[in-house]
N, C-alpha and C. Protein backbone atom coordinates (compact mmCIF):
# COMPACT_ATOMS: atom_id res chain seq x y z
N MET A 1 9.61 26.08 11.12
CA MET A 1 9.46 25.32 10.54
C MET A 1 10.06 24.78 9.85
N ALA A 2 10.22 23.25 9.60
CA ALA A 2 11.32 22.07 9.09
C ALA A 2 11.39 22.68 7.74
N SER A 3 13.10 22.73 7.49
CA SER A 3 13.66 23.29 6.34
C SER A 3 13.90 21.71 5.71
N SER A 4 13.94 20.72 5.93
CA SER A 4 14.25 19.24 5.58
C SER A 4 12.87 18.73 5.40
N THR A 5 13.21 17.73 4.19
CA THR A 5 11.94 16.62 4.25
C THR A 5 11.41 16.04 5.49
N ARG A 6 12.58 15.05 6.11
CA ARG A 6 12.48 14.33 7.45
C ARG A 6 12.07 15.17 8.36
N GLY A 7 12.31 16.33 8.53
CA GLY A 7 11.79 17.09 9.73
C GLY A 7 10.64 17.51 9.64
N PHE A 8 10.03 17.56 8.19
CA PHE A 8 8.71 18.08 7.79
C PHE A 8 7.76 16.81 8.06
N ALA A 9 8.16 15.64 7.93
CA ALA A 9 7.76 14.46 7.79
C ALA A 9 7.15 14.33 9.45
N GLY A 10 8.37 14.10 10.28
CA GLY A 10 8.51 14.13 11.57
C GLY A 10 7.34 14.95 12.47
N PHE A 11 7.68 16.45 11.98
CA PHE A 11 6.28 17.17 12.66
C PHE A 11 5.09 16.63 12.39
N VAL A 12 4.64 16.39 10.89
CA VAL A 12 3.46 15.72 10.81
C VAL A 12 2.98 14.61 11.64
N LEU A 13 4.20 13.61 11.67
CA LEU A 13 3.84 12.44 12.42
C LEU A 13 3.61 12.38 13.86
N ILE A 14 4.47 13.12 14.16
CA ILE A 14 4.38 13.63 15.81
C ILE A 14 2.46 14.35 16.08
N VAL A 15 2.40 15.41 15.06
CA VAL A 15 1.02 15.99 15.47
C VAL A 15 -0.03 14.91 15.05
N SER A 16 0.08 14.25 14.22
CA SER A 16 -0.89 13.14 13.95
C SER A 16 -1.25 12.36 14.79
N ALA A 17 0.22 11.82 15.49
CA ALA A 17 0.08 10.95 16.72
C ALA A 17 -0.41 11.31 17.63
N ILE A 18 -0.34 12.60 18.23
CA ILE A 18 -0.82 13.50 19.30
C ILE A 18 -2.69 13.52 19.08
N VAL A 19 -2.90 13.81 17.96
CA VAL A 19 -4.53 13.85 17.75
C VAL A 19 -5.16 12.68 17.89
N LEU A 20 -4.35 11.73 17.10
CA LEU A 20 -5.29 10.30 17.06
C LEU A 20 -5.10 9.79 18.72
N GLY A 21 -3.96 9.98 18.95
CA GLY A 21 -3.84 9.73 20.74
C GLY A 21 -4.74 10.17 21.56
N THR A 22 -5.01 11.35 21.22
CA THR A 22 -6.14 12.19 22.30
C THR A 22 -7.57 11.67 22.00
N VAL A 23 -7.74 11.22 20.43
CA VAL A 23 -9.05 10.53 20.46
C VAL A 23 -9.43 9.41 20.93
N LEU A 24 -8.08 8.89 20.97
CA LEU A 24 -8.28 7.12 21.41
C LEU A 24 -8.46 7.01 22.87
N LEU A 25 -7.57 8.25 23.43
CA LEU A 25 -7.92 8.39 25.01
C LEU A 25 -9.12 8.60 25.48
N SER A 26 -9.90 9.65 24.57
CA SER A 26 -11.12 10.15 24.91
C SER A 26 -12.29 9.04 24.65
N GLN A 27 -11.75 8.08 24.03
CA GLN A 27 -12.79 6.80 23.30
C GLN A 27 -12.66 5.84 24.35
N PHE A 28 -11.21 5.18 24.75
CA PHE A 28 -11.12 4.39 25.45
C PHE A 28 -11.22 4.66 27.23
N TRP A 29 -10.67 5.90 27.52
CA TRP A 29 -10.30 6.25 28.94
C TRP A 29 -11.35 7.35 29.13
N GLY A 30 -12.13 7.97 28.37
CA GLY A 30 -13.14 8.99 28.66
C GLY A 30 -14.28 8.67 28.63
N GLY A 31 -14.53 7.50 27.70
CA GLY A 31 -15.82 6.99 27.66
C GLY A 31 -16.73 7.51 26.28
N LEU A 32 -16.05 8.20 25.83
CA LEU A 32 -16.81 8.92 24.39
C LEU A 32 -16.90 7.81 23.24
N ALA A 33 -17.87 7.30 23.03
CA ALA A 33 -18.01 6.62 21.85
C ALA A 33 -18.06 7.35 20.63
N PRO A 34 -17.31 6.72 19.65
CA PRO A 34 -17.55 7.77 18.42
C PRO A 34 -18.43 7.51 17.65
N CYS A 35 -19.39 8.22 16.85
CA CYS A 35 -20.32 7.67 15.74
C CYS A 35 -19.68 7.34 14.29
N GLU A 36 -20.62 7.26 13.23
CA GLU A 36 -19.81 6.72 12.02
C GLU A 36 -19.26 7.82 11.37
N LEU A 37 -19.56 9.08 11.77
CA LEU A 37 -18.83 10.19 10.97
C LEU A 37 -17.41 10.40 11.82
N CYS A 38 -17.50 10.19 13.05
CA CYS A 38 -16.22 10.43 13.78
C CYS A 38 -15.04 9.60 13.45
N LEU A 39 -15.33 8.35 13.09
CA LEU A 39 -14.63 7.27 12.86
C LEU A 39 -14.07 7.54 11.36
N MET A 40 -15.12 8.14 10.47
CA MET A 40 -14.50 8.31 9.33
C MET A 40 -13.34 9.45 9.33
N GLN A 41 -13.51 10.61 10.27
CA GLN A 41 -12.58 11.66 10.30
C GLN A 41 -11.05 11.17 10.95
N ARG A 42 -10.91 10.10 11.34
CA ARG A 42 -9.99 9.63 11.76
C ARG A 42 -8.87 9.03 10.60
N TRP A 43 -9.66 8.68 9.45
CA TRP A 43 -8.85 8.12 8.47
C TRP A 43 -7.74 9.07 7.74
N PRO A 44 -7.96 10.27 7.63
CA PRO A 44 -6.94 11.24 7.09
C PRO A 44 -5.45 11.14 7.81
N TRP A 45 -6.21 11.14 9.22
CA TRP A 45 -4.91 11.32 9.94
C TRP A 45 -4.14 9.94 10.11
N ASP A 46 -4.76 8.77 9.82
CA ASP A 46 -4.26 7.67 9.94
C ASP A 46 -3.55 7.76 8.62
N VAL A 47 -3.86 8.23 7.41
CA VAL A 47 -3.23 8.02 6.28
C VAL A 47 -1.82 8.97 6.62
N ALA A 48 -2.11 10.03 7.12
CA ALA A 48 -1.06 11.21 7.46
C ALA A 48 0.23 10.31 7.86
N ILE A 49 -0.20 9.44 8.96
CA ILE A 49 0.97 8.51 9.51
C ILE A 49 1.79 7.84 8.70
N VAL A 50 0.98 7.27 7.98
CA VAL A 50 1.66 6.08 7.26
C VAL A 50 2.42 6.87 6.10
N ILE A 51 1.91 8.04 5.37
CA ILE A 51 2.83 8.75 4.72
C ILE A 51 4.10 9.39 5.30
N ALA A 52 3.77 9.81 6.60
CA ALA A 52 5.38 10.34 7.37
C ALA A 52 6.08 9.26 7.31
N ILE A 53 5.53 8.38 7.94
CA ILE A 53 6.77 7.18 8.07
C ILE A 53 7.26 6.95 6.81
N VAL A 54 6.55 6.49 5.51
CA VAL A 54 7.37 6.30 4.49
C VAL A 54 8.34 7.34 4.16
N VAL A 55 7.93 8.66 4.23
CA VAL A 55 8.62 9.83 4.05
C VAL A 55 10.10 9.80 4.67
N LEU A 56 9.58 9.54 5.94
CA LEU A 56 11.06 9.45 6.99
C LEU A 56 11.82 8.34 6.33
N PHE A 57 11.30 7.25 6.00
CA PHE A 57 12.43 6.23 5.54
C PHE A 57 12.70 6.69 4.13
N ALA A 58 12.12 7.11 3.14
CA ALA A 58 12.68 7.89 1.96
C ALA A 58 13.66 9.06 2.25
N GLY A 59 13.41 9.36 3.29
CA GLY A 59 14.50 10.70 3.77
C GLY A 59 14.36 12.03 2.71
N GLU A 60 15.87 12.36 2.61
CA GLU A 60 15.75 13.56 1.46
C GLU A 60 15.69 13.21 0.19
N ARG A 61 15.54 12.06 -0.30
CA ARG A 61 15.13 11.63 -1.71
C ARG A 61 13.60 11.79 -1.96
N ALA A 62 12.90 12.06 -1.10
CA ALA A 62 11.59 12.43 -1.33
C ALA A 62 11.52 14.02 -1.23
N PRO A 63 11.13 14.91 -2.37
CA PRO A 63 11.01 15.77 -2.60
C PRO A 63 10.22 16.68 -1.21
N LEU A 64 10.80 17.91 -0.58
CA LEU A 64 9.93 18.43 0.34
C LEU A 64 8.60 18.90 -0.17
N SER A 65 8.97 19.32 -1.40
CA SER A 65 7.27 20.11 -2.06
C SER A 65 6.67 18.82 -2.35
N TRP A 66 6.87 17.99 -2.60
CA TRP A 66 5.99 16.72 -2.96
C TRP A 66 5.36 16.18 -1.92
N ALA A 67 6.33 16.23 -1.10
CA ALA A 67 5.63 15.77 0.68
C ALA A 67 4.70 16.51 1.09
N ALA A 68 4.85 17.89 1.06
CA ALA A 68 4.32 19.19 1.52
C ALA A 68 2.35 18.71 0.65
N LEU A 69 2.77 18.53 -0.54
CA LEU A 69 1.54 18.84 -1.21
C LEU A 69 0.69 17.51 -1.05
N ILE A 70 1.18 16.62 -1.03
CA ILE A 70 0.54 15.09 -0.33
C ILE A 70 0.03 15.43 0.89
N PHE A 71 0.64 16.08 1.65
CA PHE A 71 0.08 16.15 3.09
C PHE A 71 -1.22 17.27 3.14
N ALA A 72 -1.06 18.16 2.28
CA ALA A 72 -1.82 19.16 1.90
C ALA A 72 -3.62 18.45 1.52
N PHE A 73 -3.14 17.78 0.69
CA PHE A 73 -4.28 16.79 0.22
C PHE A 73 -4.96 16.15 1.20
N VAL A 74 -4.21 15.21 1.84
CA VAL A 74 -4.78 14.99 2.95
C VAL A 74 -5.52 15.46 3.93
N PHE A 75 -4.80 16.40 4.27
CA PHE A 75 -5.39 17.35 5.28
C PHE A 75 -6.67 18.20 4.77
N ALA A 76 -6.65 18.38 3.49
CA ALA A 76 -7.57 19.00 2.85
C ALA A 76 -9.11 17.98 2.71
N VAL A 77 -8.65 16.86 2.84
CA VAL A 77 -10.04 15.80 2.62
C VAL A 77 -10.25 15.57 4.27
N SER A 78 -9.28 15.72 5.18
CA SER A 78 -9.79 15.64 6.52
C SER A 78 -10.73 17.12 6.94
N VAL A 79 -10.32 18.05 6.60
CA VAL A 79 -11.23 19.55 6.55
C VAL A 79 -12.62 19.10 5.91
N ALA A 80 -12.82 18.44 4.45
CA ALA A 80 -13.91 18.16 4.27
C ALA A 80 -14.80 17.52 5.21
N PHE A 81 -14.19 16.06 5.67
CA PHE A 81 -14.90 15.33 6.42
C PHE A 81 -15.63 15.85 7.64
N ALA A 82 -14.78 16.91 8.01
CA ALA A 82 -14.65 17.49 9.42
C ALA A 82 -16.25 18.66 9.50
N PHE A 83 -16.08 19.55 8.12
CA PHE A 83 -16.69 20.15 7.86
C PHE A 83 -18.38 19.38 7.46
N TYR A 84 -18.48 18.50 6.94
CA TYR A 84 -19.62 17.74 6.56
C TYR A 84 -20.21 17.46 8.13
N HIS A 85 -19.30 16.86 8.93
CA HIS A 85 -19.76 16.69 10.31
C HIS A 85 -20.31 17.47 11.13
N VAL A 86 -19.78 18.68 11.18
CA VAL A 86 -20.10 20.02 11.83
C VAL A 86 -21.44 20.35 11.35
N GLY A 87 -21.39 20.13 9.79
CA GLY A 87 -22.92 20.75 9.26
C GLY A 87 -23.82 19.33 9.59
N VAL A 88 -23.43 18.27 9.61
CA VAL A 88 -24.69 17.21 10.07
C VAL A 88 -25.15 17.72 11.62
N GLU A 89 -23.99 18.02 12.70
CA GLU A 89 -24.69 18.23 13.90
C GLU A 89 -25.05 19.78 13.90
N GLN A 90 -24.96 20.44 13.17
CA GLN A 90 -25.96 21.85 13.23
C GLN A 90 -27.13 21.73 12.26
N HIS A 91 -27.18 20.77 11.71
CA HIS A 91 -28.45 20.23 10.97
C HIS A 91 -28.45 21.16 9.64
N TRP A 92 -27.32 21.44 9.35
CA TRP A 92 -27.11 22.08 7.92
C TRP A 92 -27.31 20.91 6.36
N PHE A 93 -26.78 19.89 6.79
CA PHE A 93 -26.76 18.67 5.99
C PHE A 93 -27.51 17.89 6.33
N ALA A 94 -28.14 16.82 5.84
CA ALA A 94 -28.70 15.41 6.17
C ALA A 94 -27.74 14.50 6.26
N GLY A 95 -27.37 13.91 7.34
CA GLY A 95 -26.45 12.95 7.82
C GLY A 95 -26.63 11.40 7.56
N PRO A 96 -25.85 10.37 7.46
CA PRO A 96 -26.17 9.09 7.27
C PRO A 96 -27.58 8.77 7.96
N THR A 97 -28.65 8.05 7.49
CA THR A 97 -29.77 8.05 7.89
C THR A 97 -29.71 6.65 9.09
N ALA A 98 -28.38 6.33 9.26
CA ALA A 98 -28.25 5.01 10.24
C ALA A 98 -27.82 5.89 11.59
N CYS A 99 -27.34 6.97 11.49
CA CYS A 99 -26.36 7.47 12.63
C CYS A 99 -27.12 9.24 12.81
N THR A 100 -28.30 9.54 12.33
CA THR A 100 -29.30 10.60 12.54
C THR A 100 -30.33 10.32 13.20
N SER A 101 -30.96 11.21 13.99
CA SER A 101 -32.22 11.01 14.47
C SER A 101 -33.58 11.50 13.67
N ASN A 102 -34.35 10.50 13.25
CA ASN A 102 -35.40 10.58 12.82
C ASN A 102 -36.73 11.01 13.53
N THR A 103 -37.02 12.07 14.34
CA THR A 103 -38.14 12.49 15.16
C THR A 103 -39.33 12.68 14.04
N GLY A 104 -40.14 12.10 14.41
CA GLY A 104 -41.64 12.70 14.06
C GLY A 104 -42.07 12.06 12.97
N THR A 105 -40.90 10.89 11.80
CA THR A 105 -41.61 10.89 10.97
C THR A 105 -42.03 9.35 10.77
N ALA A 106 -42.33 8.79 11.64
CA ALA A 106 -43.08 7.59 12.06
C ALA A 106 -44.37 7.82 12.16
N THR A 107 -45.23 6.92 11.13
CA THR A 107 -46.97 6.91 11.41
C THR A 107 -47.51 5.75 12.05
N SER A 108 -46.57 4.86 12.58
CA SER A 108 -47.20 3.82 13.57
C SER A 108 -46.37 3.30 14.57
N VAL A 109 -46.83 2.64 15.37
CA VAL A 109 -46.14 2.16 16.47
C VAL A 109 -44.86 1.00 15.94
N GLU A 110 -45.12 0.23 14.91
CA GLU A 110 -44.20 -0.52 14.43
C GLU A 110 -43.09 0.33 13.66
N GLU A 111 -43.77 1.22 12.76
CA GLU A 111 -42.50 2.01 12.01
C GLU A 111 -41.57 2.84 13.07
N LEU A 112 -42.30 3.33 14.06
CA LEU A 112 -41.60 3.62 15.27
C LEU A 112 -40.27 2.81 15.78
N LYS A 113 -41.06 1.53 16.14
CA LYS A 113 -40.28 0.65 16.90
C LYS A 113 -38.81 0.19 15.52
N ARG A 114 -39.24 0.20 14.03
CA ARG A 114 -38.00 -0.18 13.48
C ARG A 114 -37.15 1.21 13.30
N GLN A 115 -37.70 2.13 13.47
CA GLN A 115 -36.35 3.65 13.29
C GLN A 115 -35.63 3.38 14.60
N ILE A 116 -36.24 3.15 15.69
CA ILE A 116 -35.58 3.00 17.07
C ILE A 116 -34.37 1.95 17.17
N LEU A 117 -35.05 0.46 16.36
CA LEU A 117 -34.03 -0.38 16.42
C LEU A 117 -32.97 -0.20 15.42
N GLY A 118 -32.89 0.45 14.10
CA GLY A 118 -32.43 0.67 13.33
C GLY A 118 -31.31 2.08 13.69
N GLN A 119 -31.52 2.76 14.25
CA GLN A 119 -30.31 3.65 14.45
C GLN A 119 -28.91 3.03 15.23
N GLN A 120 -28.05 3.53 15.31
CA GLN A 120 -27.07 3.14 16.16
C GLN A 120 -27.03 3.69 17.29
N ALA A 121 -26.10 3.41 18.29
CA ALA A 121 -26.10 3.95 19.76
C ALA A 121 -25.53 5.30 19.87
N VAL A 122 -24.89 5.88 19.17
CA VAL A 122 -24.14 6.98 19.27
C VAL A 122 -24.43 7.55 17.80
N LEU A 123 -25.33 9.02 17.83
CA LEU A 123 -25.76 9.46 16.83
C LEU A 123 -24.96 10.80 16.40
N CYS A 124 -24.90 10.87 15.04
CA CYS A 124 -23.79 11.76 14.38
C CYS A 124 -24.54 13.15 14.85
N ASP A 125 -25.77 13.46 14.62
CA ASP A 125 -26.15 14.73 14.74
C ASP A 125 -25.73 15.48 16.27
N ARG A 126 -25.49 14.67 17.18
CA ARG A 126 -25.80 15.03 18.48
C ARG A 126 -24.41 14.79 19.28
N PRO A 127 -23.62 16.01 19.29
CA PRO A 127 -22.46 16.08 19.65
C PRO A 127 -22.27 15.38 21.11
N ALA A 128 -21.58 14.48 21.30
CA ALA A 128 -20.94 13.73 22.62
C ALA A 128 -20.60 14.75 23.76
N TRP A 129 -19.58 15.72 23.16
CA TRP A 129 -18.78 16.62 24.09
C TRP A 129 -18.55 18.05 23.06
N THR A 130 -18.35 19.06 24.42
CA THR A 130 -17.99 20.23 23.77
C THR A 130 -17.17 21.23 24.39
N PHE A 131 -16.24 21.86 23.72
CA PHE A 131 -15.45 22.80 24.61
C PHE A 131 -15.94 23.96 24.08
N PHE A 132 -16.12 24.89 25.05
CA PHE A 132 -16.88 26.35 24.73
C PHE A 132 -17.59 26.03 23.76
N GLY A 133 -18.61 25.13 23.41
CA GLY A 133 -19.37 25.10 22.50
C GLY A 133 -18.94 24.34 20.94
N VAL A 134 -17.74 24.09 21.05
CA VAL A 134 -17.33 23.06 19.98
C VAL A 134 -17.30 22.03 20.02
N SER A 135 -17.63 21.26 18.95
CA SER A 135 -17.70 19.67 19.26
C SER A 135 -16.15 19.33 18.96
N LEU A 136 -16.14 17.90 18.83
CA LEU A 136 -14.96 17.31 18.50
C LEU A 136 -14.41 17.49 16.88
N ALA A 137 -16.00 17.55 16.33
CA ALA A 137 -15.71 17.46 14.69
C ALA A 137 -15.50 19.07 14.39
N GLY A 138 -15.79 20.04 15.28
CA GLY A 138 -15.30 21.46 15.03
C GLY A 138 -13.78 21.65 15.42
N LEU A 139 -13.41 20.97 16.48
CA LEU A 139 -11.88 21.10 16.72
C LEU A 139 -11.22 20.26 15.77
N ASN A 140 -11.77 18.89 14.87
CA ASN A 140 -10.86 18.56 14.24
C ASN A 140 -10.81 19.42 13.00
N PHE A 141 -12.01 19.87 12.43
CA PHE A 141 -11.90 20.82 11.12
C PHE A 141 -11.09 22.01 11.66
N LEU A 142 -10.44 22.76 12.75
CA LEU A 142 -10.01 23.51 13.08
C LEU A 142 -8.52 23.26 12.96
N GLY A 143 -8.43 21.95 13.60
CA GLY A 143 -6.96 21.19 13.39
C GLY A 143 -6.54 20.98 12.11
N SER A 144 -7.27 20.11 11.38
CA SER A 144 -6.95 19.98 10.11
C SER A 144 -6.81 21.32 9.16
N LEU A 145 -7.45 22.19 9.40
CA LEU A 145 -7.39 23.42 8.37
C LEU A 145 -6.06 23.88 9.14
N VAL A 146 -5.56 24.14 10.09
CA VAL A 146 -4.58 24.42 10.56
C VAL A 146 -3.23 23.61 9.72
N MET A 147 -3.40 22.28 9.67
CA MET A 147 -2.31 21.37 9.33
C MET A 147 -2.28 21.63 7.65
N ALA A 148 -3.46 21.71 7.08
CA ALA A 148 -3.53 21.79 5.40
C ALA A 148 -2.77 23.21 5.43
N ALA A 149 -2.99 24.47 6.14
CA ALA A 149 -2.44 25.74 5.79
C ALA A 149 -0.90 25.71 5.94
N ILE A 150 -0.51 24.76 6.83
CA ILE A 150 0.86 24.63 7.20
C ILE A 150 1.45 23.90 5.96
N CYS A 151 0.84 23.01 5.62
CA CYS A 151 1.40 22.08 4.32
C CYS A 151 1.59 23.23 3.21
N VAL A 152 0.56 23.65 2.96
CA VAL A 152 0.32 24.67 2.00
C VAL A 152 1.84 25.70 1.86
N ALA A 153 1.50 26.25 3.27
CA ALA A 153 2.93 27.18 3.38
C ALA A 153 4.42 26.51 2.96
N VAL A 154 4.71 25.09 3.52
CA VAL A 154 5.82 24.53 3.14
C VAL A 154 5.88 24.35 1.77
N PHE A 155 4.96 23.71 1.10
CA PHE A 155 4.83 23.50 -0.43
C PHE A 155 5.59 24.88 -1.14
N LEU A 156 4.69 25.97 -0.71
CA LEU A 156 5.18 27.07 -1.67
C LEU A 156 6.59 27.64 -1.13
N ARG A 157 6.82 27.25 0.08
CA ARG A 157 8.68 27.89 0.55
C ARG A 157 9.32 26.86 -0.22
N ALA A 158 9.02 25.28 -0.41
CA ALA A 158 9.81 24.46 -0.93
C ALA A 158 10.04 24.79 -2.67
N ARG A 159 8.88 25.35 -3.21
CA ARG A 159 8.86 25.41 -4.55
C ARG A 159 9.68 26.60 -4.95
N ASP A 160 9.40 27.87 -3.91
CA ASP A 160 10.23 28.96 -4.27
C ASP A 160 10.39 29.77 -3.48
N PRO A 161 11.86 29.11 -2.93
CA PRO A 161 12.03 29.92 -1.39
C PRO A 161 12.16 31.35 -1.97
N ALA A 162 13.26 31.51 -2.99
CA ALA A 162 13.40 33.21 -3.18
C ALA A 162 12.15 34.00 -3.29
N ARG A 163 11.07 33.68 -4.03
CA ARG A 163 10.12 34.60 -3.58
C ARG A 163 9.48 34.81 -2.49
N LEU A 164 9.40 33.96 -1.72
CA LEU A 164 9.13 34.17 -0.29
C LEU A 164 9.92 35.26 0.60
N GLN A 165 11.35 35.11 0.55
CA GLN A 165 12.20 35.62 0.90
C GLN A 165 11.84 37.47 0.46
N HIS A 166 11.60 37.40 -0.92
CA HIS A 166 11.28 38.85 -1.39
C HIS A 166 10.28 39.38 -0.62
N LEU A 167 9.12 38.38 -0.60
CA LEU A 167 7.90 38.97 0.45
C LEU A 167 7.89 39.33 1.43
N ARG A 168 8.87 38.79 2.13
CA ARG A 168 9.09 39.02 3.67
C ARG A 168 9.85 40.38 3.77
N ARG A 169 10.64 40.78 2.86
CA ARG A 169 11.51 42.09 2.65
C ARG A 169 10.54 43.34 2.49
N ALA A 170 9.38 43.06 1.71
CA ALA A 170 8.74 44.10 1.46
C ALA A 170 7.79 44.62 2.31
């Protein structure tokens, strides 16, 4: 793992750019239109890119432990957003009313018409694409979880490198 602040910020920048680039390619080239929650899940990755650029410019003046802690928080938020979206897809949680399907609640034709016209084109509770049964929200959950864990590990290593060396020897 990167032992300098700039190296770590560069790593986060590259990973975040790859994730967002992949998402944008799937949207504009692959034709996968994002739902409201998909768009919300991009925010932490955008924030990580901005913070990484700031840290790259700050260089070694920015302590590695603080940078790692800030990134860990950003990716923890990303984990929470992704978990909520997976929960909406699995019907564990109620999603936003504008982007989830409301079947069977209309009592008249006019009410059904209002429900249909009030829905977004892409529904949050129906995955547009899956990879071995895992939706893009699930993949984002896993990726964000890995990045949060890496950030926490870098934070712990930067805070007390001697303690971690002792644990490795045991």
